[in-house]
Amino acid sequence: MAEATPALGLIKELRSHEVAIAELNHLSSSRAVYQKNGNIFFQTTIQKAAASEQKQLDLAKAKLEKLNSP
């Protein structure tokens, strides 16, 4: 039962990244977006922010697959 907790956390992380990507994809190109780096927020482009979220999503998916593999 202890294995369900890390998997649940990863599933929540996956959903969070998926929502962030969807929100970024629906912004107009003139909107300013900010990305957190450490404790500081930096202004960036929508494309760079979406690419970063996609990378984090892919990493979380890989962790989940590794956790679920026997």
Protein backbone atom coordinates (compact mmCIF):
# COMPACT_ATOMS: atom_id res chain seq x y z
CA MET A 1 0.00 0.00 0.00
CA ALA A 2 2.98 2.31 0.51
CA GLU A 3 3.66 2.29 -3.25
CA ALA A 4 0.30 3.92 -4.03
CA THR A 5 1.30 7.21 -2.39
CA PRO A 6 4.28 8.01 -4.68
CA ALA A 7 2.24 6.95 -7.72
CA LEU A 8 -0.66 9.15 -6.67
CA GLY A 9 1.70 12.09 -6.21
CA LEU A 10 3.14 11.53 -9.69
CA ILE A 11 -0.34 11.30 -11.22
CA LYS A 12 -1.24 14.64 -9.59
CA GLU A 13 2.01 16.11 -10.93
CA LEU A 14 1.18 14.82 -14.43
CA ARG A 15 -2.26 16.43 -14.32
CA SER A 16 -0.77 19.70 -13.09
CA HIS A 17 1.67 19.85 -16.01
CA GLU A 18 -1.06 18.88 -18.50
CA VAL A 19 -3.29 21.70 -17.21
CA ALA A 20 -0.42 24.20 -17.36
CA ILE A 21 0.34 23.23 -20.97
CA ALA A 22 -3.32 23.55 -21.95
CA GLU A 23 -3.55 26.97 -20.32
CA LEU A 24 -0.36 28.18 -22.00
CA ASN A 25 -1.59 26.95 -25.40
CA HIS A 26 -4.76 29.02 -25.06
CA LEU A 27 -3.05 32.33 -24.25
CA SER A 28 -2.70 34.99 -26.91
CA SER A 29 0.87 35.51 -28.10
CA SER A 30 0.90 39.06 -26.71
CA ARG A 31 0.45 37.88 -23.11
CA ALA A 32 3.40 38.01 -20.75
CA VAL A 33 4.13 34.80 -18.88
CA TYR A 34 6.43 34.21 -15.95
CA GLN A 35 8.32 31.07 -15.06
CA LYS A 36 9.62 30.26 -11.60
CA ASN A 37 13.32 29.49 -11.32
CA GLY A 38 14.15 28.76 -7.70
CA ASN A 39 12.39 31.44 -5.66
CA ILE A 40 12.40 34.04 -8.44
CA PHE A 41 9.98 34.51 -11.34
CA PHE A 42 11.37 35.44 -14.77
CA GLN A 43 9.43 36.73 -17.76
CA THR A 44 9.59 34.33 -20.71
CA THR A 45 7.76 33.48 -23.89
CA ILE A 46 4.72 31.22 -24.00
CA GLN A 47 6.63 28.79 -26.22
CA LYS A 48 9.56 28.50 -23.79
CA ALA A 49 7.22 28.06 -20.82
CA ALA A 50 5.21 25.38 -22.66
CA ALA A 51 8.41 23.57 -23.69
CA SER A 52 9.60 23.58 -20.08
CA GLU A 53 6.25 22.22 -18.85
CA GLN A 54 6.35 19.51 -21.55
CA LYS A 55 9.85 18.50 -20.44
CA GLN A 56 8.69 18.26 -16.82
CA LEU A 57 5.64 16.27 -17.95
CA ASP A 58 7.84 13.82 -19.85
CA LEU A 59 10.11 13.39 -16.81
CA ALA A 60 7.13 12.74 -14.54
CA LYS A 61 5.75 10.17 -17.02
CA ALA A 62 9.12 8.39 -17.08
CA LYS A 63 9.19 8.30 -13.26
CA LEU A 64 5.67 6.88 -13.17
CA GLU A 65 6.51 4.20 -15.74
CA LYS A 66 9.63 3.26 -13.77
CA LEU A 67 7.60 3.07 -10.56
CA ASN A 68 4.94 0.87 -12.21
CA SER A 69 7.40 -1.50 -13.91
CA PRO A 70 8.01 -4.77 -12.05
